[in-house]
PDB file of N, CA and C in Angstrom:
ATOM      1  N   MET A   1       5.522 232.502 116.372  1.00  0.00           N
ATOM      2  CA  MET A   1       6.501 232.047 115.597  1.00  0.00           C
ATOM      3  C   MET A   1       7.453 231.956 116.109  1.00  0.00           C
ATOM      4  N   ASP A   2       8.675 231.123 115.413  1.00  0.00           N
ATOM      5  CA  ASP A   2       9.832 230.390 115.737  1.00  0.00           C
ATOM      6  C   ASP A   2      10.840 231.755 116.021  1.00  0.00           C
ATOM      7  N   VAL A   3      11.663 231.848 116.906  1.00  0.00           N
ATOM      8  CA  VAL A   3      12.693 232.672 116.788  1.00  0.00           C
ATOM      9  C   VAL A   3      13.856 232.268 115.365  1.00  0.00           C
ATOM     10  N   LYS A   4      13.865 231.299 115.463  1.00  0.00           N
ATOM     11  CA  LYS A   4      14.739 230.546 114.374  1.00  0.00           C
ATOM     12  C   LYS A   4      14.483 230.970 113.133  1.00  0.00           C
ATOM     13  N   LEU A   5      13.280 231.193 112.780  1.00  0.00           N
ATOM     14  CA  LEU A   5      12.722 231.711 111.652  1.00  0.00           C
ATOM     15  C   LEU A   5      13.116 232.961 111.322  1.00  0.00           C
ATOM     16  N   LEU A   6      13.161 233.867 112.677  1.00  0.00           N
ATOM     17  CA  LEU A   6      13.862 235.047 112.590  1.00  0.00           C
ATOM     18  C   LEU A   6      15.150 235.420 112.270  1.00  0.00           C
ATOM     19  N   THR A   7      15.917 234.502 112.956  1.00  0.00           N
ATOM     20  CA  THR A   7      17.496 234.642 112.737  1.00  0.00           C
ATOM     21  C   THR A   7      17.974 233.859 111.455  1.00  0.00           C
ATOM     22  N   HIS A   8      16.854 233.367 110.657  1.00  0.00           N
ATOM     23  CA  HIS A   8      17.384 232.925 109.485  1.00  0.00           C
ATOM     24  C   HIS A   8      16.813 233.670 108.349  1.00  0.00           C
ATOM     25  N   THR A   9      16.567 234.471 108.726  1.00  0.00           N
ATOM     26  CA  THR A   9      15.737 235.356 107.253  1.00  0.00           C
ATOM     27  C   THR A   9      16.595 236.632 106.859  1.00  0.00           C
ATOM     28  N   PRO A  10      16.395 236.664 105.489  1.00  0.00           N
ATOM     29  CA  PRO A  10      17.901 237.524 105.582  1.00  0.00           C
ATOM     30  C   PRO A  10      17.331 238.986 105.770  1.00  0.00           C
ATOM     31  N   GLU A  11      15.823 239.346 105.672  1.00  0.00           N
ATOM     32  CA  GLU A  11      14.837 240.582 106.169  1.00  0.00           C
ATOM     33  C   GLU A  11      13.861 240.215 107.308  1.00  0.00           C
ATOM     34  N   PRO A  12      15.051 240.375 108.412  1.00  0.00           N
ATOM     35  CA  PRO A  12      14.343 240.341 109.762  1.00  0.00           C
ATOM     36  C   PRO A  12      13.140 241.545 109.996  1.00  0.00           C
ATOM     37  N   ASP A  13      13.505 242.732 109.573  1.00  0.00           N
ATOM     38  CA  ASP A  13      12.438 243.589 109.787  1.00  0.00           C
ATOM     39  C   ASP A  13      10.987 243.178 108.848  1.00  0.00           C
ATOM     40  N   ARG A  14      11.098 242.707 108.118  1.00  0.00           N
ATOM     41  CA  ARG A  14       9.830 242.412 107.052  1.00  0.00           C
ATOM     42  C   ARG A  14       8.994 240.843 108.185  1.00  0.00           C
ATOM     43  N   VAL A  15       9.622 240.123 108.504  1.00  0.00           N
ATOM     44  CA  VAL A  15       9.034 238.829 109.379  1.00  0.00           C
ATOM     45  C   VAL A  15       8.928 239.514 110.613  1.00  0.00           C
ATOM     46  N   VAL A  16       9.371 240.946 110.878  1.00  0.00           N
ATOM     47  CA  VAL A  16       8.475 241.090 112.147  1.00  0.00           C
ATOM     48  C   VAL A  16       7.552 241.802 111.885  1.00  0.00           C
ATOM     49  N   ALA A  17       7.469 242.509 110.890  1.00  0.00           N
ATOM     50  CA  ALA A  17       6.102 242.846 110.310  1.00  0.00           C
ATOM     51  C   ALA A  17       4.834 242.004 110.128  1.00  0.00           C
ATOM     52  N   THR A  18       5.501 241.237 109.321  1.00  0.00           N
ATOM     53  CA  THR A  18       4.473 239.905 108.976  1.00  0.00           C
ATOM     54  C   THR A  18       4.097 239.219 110.484  1.00  0.00           C
ATOM     55  N   ALA A  19       4.824 238.866 111.470  1.00  0.00           N
ATOM     56  CA  ALA A  19       4.614 238.255 112.348  1.00  0.00           C
ATOM     57  C   ALA A  19       3.527 239.495 113.544  1.00  0.00           C
ATOM     58  N   ALA A  20       3.958 240.440 113.368  1.00  0.00           N
ATOM     59  CA  ALA A  20       2.873 241.462 113.933  1.00  0.00           C
ATOM     60  C   ALA A  20       1.470 241.581 113.709  1.00  0.00           C
ATOM     61  N   ARG A  21       1.497 241.603 112.495  1.00  0.00           N
ATOM     62  CA  ARG A  21       0.373 241.680 111.243  1.00  0.00           C
ATOM     63  C   ARG A  21      -0.474 240.143 111.770  1.00  0.00           C
ATOM     64  N   LEU A  22       0.214 239.217 111.890  1.00  0.00           N
ATOM     65  CA  LEU A  22      -0.573 238.050 112.032  1.00  0.00           C
ATOM     66  C   LEU A  22      -0.505 238.170 113.559  1.00  0.00           C
ATOM     67  N   CYS A  23      -0.187 238.699 114.214  1.00  0.00           N
ATOM     68  CA  CYS A  23      -0.667 238.845 116.095  1.00  0.00           C
ATOM     69  C   CYS A  23      -2.217 239.561 115.854  1.00  0.00           C
ATOM     70  N   TYR A  24      -1.688 240.745 115.059  1.00  0.00           N
ATOM     71  CA  TYR A  24      -2.801 241.513 115.765  1.00  0.00           C
ATOM     72  C   TYR A  24      -4.064 241.143 114.569  1.00  0.00           C
ATOM     73  N   SER A  25      -3.955 240.503 114.005  1.00  0.00           N
ATOM     74  CA  SER A  25      -5.245 240.452 112.506  1.00  0.00           C
ATOM     75  C   SER A  25      -6.422 239.533 113.719  1.00  0.00           C
TER      76      SER A  25
END
């Protein structure tokens, strides 16, 4: 996932959780 998406997201925690889920799935 691009870091730019994380910085442009109002809820970084949700993005991190989603990214982690995608990585571990």
